[in-house]
């Protein structure tokens, strides 16, 4: 239930209108570890990170001005893969910033980075966890992913993908190998 409440507040924030920003700019969402986010070790549950990342991507899509176009065209957000790296535990009621940004893109997928950054205390500014996601928008009418250039052009017609970082290229290779394992 608390995720629906958080989603409601993220949605309310998006009603202010989109923010004119560059495609690769960082969008920050301030959150706090709630009791319902905890696992048996009384820190933020590893699975909850992935759910909270959904909020960050919704916030990004909304504030980048894509939500209206996506709804109008019956496009739905989808993920193809996720990779997480946990570094520092987030404790009950601890505030943190969820930073979401696009790193690069190809014809089919957008590669995003999402960081959980400690917002206060002696570790302020430290990255507690980082996730990379391969995602896009799915066209419910054609049953295909929306070509990334079409999606990016809605934000900035002149945008060109930055070079793919080495770690993203390695991850894409690992994902392709895993896809082959699950293809049968």
Protein backbone atom coordinates (compact mmCIF):
# COMPACT_ATOMS: atom_id res chain seq x y z
CA UNK A 1 0.00 0.00 0.00
CA UNK A 2 2.76 2.48 0.83
CA UNK A 3 4.08 2.17 -2.73
CA UNK A 4 0.70 3.28 -4.07
CA UNK A 5 0.84 6.27 -1.74
CA UNK A 6 4.37 7.07 -2.90
CA UNK A 7 3.27 6.67 -6.53
CA UNK A 8 0.40 9.08 -5.86
CA UNK A 9 2.82 11.70 -4.52
CA UNK A 10 5.20 11.21 -7.46
CA UNK A 11 2.24 11.62 -9.81
CA UNK A 12 1.10 14.80 -7.96
CA UNK A 13 4.59 16.22 -8.30
CA UNK A 14 4.49 15.53 -12.04
CA UNK A 15 1.32 17.63 -12.40
CA UNK A 16 3.47 20.73 -12.08
CA UNK A 17 4.41 20.01 -15.68
CA UNK A 18 7.45 18.61 -17.35
CA UNK A 19 10.88 20.03 -16.75
CA UNK A 20 12.81 21.05 -19.80
CA UNK A 21 16.05 19.14 -19.41
CA UNK A 22 18.57 17.29 -21.48
CA UNK A 23 17.87 13.65 -22.25
CA UNK A 24 20.77 12.49 -20.10
CA UNK A 25 20.21 14.84 -17.14
CA UNK A 26 19.78 13.37 -13.65
CA UNK A 27 16.32 13.43 -12.07
CA UNK A 28 16.29 13.19 -8.26
CA UNK A 29 13.52 11.85 -6.11
CA UNK A 30 13.87 12.22 -2.31
CA UNK A 31 12.59 9.17 -0.44
CA UNK A 32 12.89 7.66 3.03
CA UNK A 33 13.17 4.04 4.19
CA UNK A 34 9.79 3.14 5.67
CA UNK A 35 9.08 0.25 8.07
CA UNK A 36 7.27 -1.60 5.27
CA UNK A 37 10.50 -1.47 3.21
CA UNK A 38 12.50 -3.52 5.71
CA UNK A 39 13.58 -7.14 5.60
CA UNK A 40 14.51 -9.47 8.47
CA UNK A 41 17.84 -7.64 8.87
CA UNK A 42 15.93 -4.38 9.45
CA UNK A 43 17.39 -2.58 6.45
CA UNK A 44 15.96 -1.79 3.02
CA UNK A 45 14.99 -5.09 1.40
CA UNK A 46 16.97 -5.94 -1.73
CA UNK A 47 13.77 -6.60 -3.68
CA UNK A 48 12.29 -3.27 -2.61
CA UNK A 49 15.12 -1.45 -4.38
CA UNK A 50 13.76 -2.72 -7.70
CA UNK A 51 10.24 -1.60 -6.86
CA UNK A 52 11.45 1.84 -5.80
CA UNK A 53 13.37 2.10 -9.06
CA UNK A 54 9.97 1.83 -10.82
CA UNK A 55 9.00 5.05 -9.01
CA UNK A 56 12.19 6.73 -10.21
CA UNK A 57 11.52 5.77 -13.81
CA UNK A 58 7.88 6.91 -13.56
CA UNK A 59 9.15 10.20 -12.13
CA UNK A 60 11.63 10.50 -15.01
CA UNK A 61 9.03 9.76 -17.69
CA UNK A 62 6.58 12.21 -16.11
CA UNK A 63 9.01 15.07 -15.58
CA UNK A 64 10.57 14.60 -19.02
CA UNK A 65 7.14 15.19 -20.55
CA UNK A 66 6.62 11.70 -21.96
CA UNK A 67 3.67 10.52 -19.87
CA UNK A 68 0.99 12.28 -21.93
CA UNK A 69 2.39 11.12 -25.26
CA UNK A 70 2.84 7.59 -23.97
CA UNK A 71 -0.77 7.43 -22.77
CA UNK A 72 -2.10 8.94 -25.99
CA UNK A 73 -0.16 6.44 -28.12
CA UNK A 74 -0.92 3.48 -25.78
CA UNK A 75 2.74 2.95 -24.97
CA UNK A 76 3.63 1.09 -21.79
CA UNK A 77 7.00 1.10 -20.00
CA UNK A 78 8.82 -2.26 -20.09
CA UNK A 79 12.16 -3.57 -18.86
CA UNK A 80 14.37 -6.05 -20.64
CA UNK A 81 16.95 -6.50 -17.88
CA UNK A 82 18.21 -5.14 -14.56
CA UNK A 83 21.57 -5.36 -12.80
CA UNK A 84 22.00 -4.29 -9.16
CA UNK A 85 25.03 -3.60 -7.00
CA UNK A 86 24.46 -3.12 -3.27
CA UNK A 87 27.15 -1.23 -1.30
CA UNK A 88 25.85 0.31 1.92
CA UNK A 89 22.71 -0.66 3.81
CA UNK A 90 19.89 1.86 4.14
CA UNK A 91 18.38 1.85 7.62
CA UNK A 92 14.84 2.59 8.90
CA UNK A 93 13.68 6.17 8.26
CA UNK A 94 16.97 7.06 6.55
CA UNK A 95 16.47 9.63 3.76
CA UNK A 96 18.05 9.02 0.37
CA UNK A 97 17.89 10.40 -3.14
CA UNK A 98 16.95 8.11 -5.97
CA UNK A 99 18.82 9.50 -8.99
CA UNK A 100 17.66 8.36 -12.43
CA UNK A 101 19.32 9.15 -15.73
CA UNK A 102 19.70 7.80 -19.23
CA UNK A 103 23.24 6.70 -20.03
CA UNK A 104 22.84 5.79 -23.71
CA UNK A 105 20.52 4.10 -26.17
CA UNK A 106 20.39 1.97 -29.28
CA UNK A 107 17.56 1.40 -31.78
CA UNK A 108 15.55 -0.78 -29.39
CA UNK A 109 16.59 -0.06 -25.79
CA UNK A 110 17.35 2.79 -23.44
CA UNK A 111 20.05 2.10 -20.83
CA UNK A 112 19.43 3.91 -17.56
CA UNK A 113 21.35 4.21 -14.33
CA UNK A 114 19.60 4.55 -10.99
CA UNK A 115 21.54 5.40 -7.85
CA UNK A 116 20.42 5.33 -4.23
CA UNK A 117 22.43 8.17 -2.67
CA UNK A 118 22.54 8.70 1.10
CA UNK A 119 21.01 12.12 1.82
CA UNK A 120 22.26 12.88 5.33
CA UNK A 121 24.64 11.85 8.07
CA UNK A 122 28.32 11.03 7.97
CA UNK A 123 27.94 9.03 4.73
CA UNK A 124 26.00 11.79 2.96
CA UNK A 125 26.60 11.60 -0.79
CA UNK A 126 27.73 7.96 -0.75
CA UNK A 127 26.09 5.60 -3.22
CA UNK A 128 24.24 2.94 -1.21
CA UNK A 129 23.22 0.95 -4.29
CA UNK A 130 23.32 1.31 -8.05
CA UNK A 131 21.17 -0.32 -10.68
CA UNK A 132 21.32 -0.31 -14.44
CA UNK A 133 18.25 -1.09 -16.48
CA UNK A 134 17.56 -1.85 -20.10
CA UNK A 135 14.10 -0.57 -20.89
CA UNK A 136 11.83 1.07 -23.35
CA UNK A 137 8.23 1.61 -24.22
CA UNK A 138 5.96 -1.12 -25.59
CA UNK A 139 3.34 -0.20 -28.19
CA UNK A 140 0.15 -2.02 -27.16
CA UNK A 141 -1.26 -1.62 -30.68
CA UNK A 142 1.63 -3.06 -32.68
CA UNK A 143 2.85 -5.39 -29.89
CA UNK A 144 6.44 -4.20 -30.41
CA UNK A 145 8.85 -1.97 -28.56
CA UNK A 146 8.79 1.64 -29.70
CA UNK A 147 11.94 2.44 -31.70
CA UNK A 148 14.19 4.39 -29.37
CA UNK A 149 14.82 7.26 -31.83
CA UNK A 150 11.05 7.89 -31.92
CA UNK A 151 10.94 7.97 -28.12
CA UNK A 152 14.03 10.17 -27.69
CA UNK A 153 12.85 12.60 -30.40
CA UNK A 154 9.81 13.40 -28.26
CA UNK A 155 12.21 14.85 -25.69
CA UNK A 156 14.91 16.31 -27.93
CA UNK A 157 14.95 15.97 -31.72
CA UNK A 158 18.69 16.69 -31.84
CA UNK A 159 19.74 14.19 -29.18
CA UNK A 160 22.39 11.65 -30.08
CA UNK A 161 23.24 8.75 -27.81
CA UNK A 162 26.41 9.21 -25.79
CA UNK A 163 29.03 6.51 -26.26
CA UNK A 164 28.25 3.28 -24.46
CA UNK A 165 30.38 3.01 -21.29
CA UNK A 166 32.56 -0.12 -21.15
CA UNK A 167 30.54 -1.57 -18.26
CA UNK A 168 27.31 -1.21 -20.25
CA UNK A 169 28.89 -2.92 -23.26
CA UNK A 170 30.05 -5.79 -21.03
CA UNK A 171 26.61 -6.04 -19.47
CA UNK A 172 24.93 -6.12 -22.90
CA UNK A 173 27.22 -9.02 -23.87
CA UNK A 174 26.41 -10.88 -20.64
CA UNK A 175 22.68 -10.26 -21.19
CA UNK A 176 22.92 -11.60 -24.73
CA UNK A 177 24.68 -14.75 -23.44
CA UNK A 178 21.94 -15.21 -20.81
CA UNK A 179 19.24 -14.65 -23.42
CA UNK A 180 20.71 -17.55 -25.42
CA UNK A 181 20.54 -19.78 -22.32
CA UNK A 182 16.84 -19.01 -21.84
CA UNK A 183 15.92 -19.12 -25.55
CA UNK A 184 15.12 -22.84 -25.53
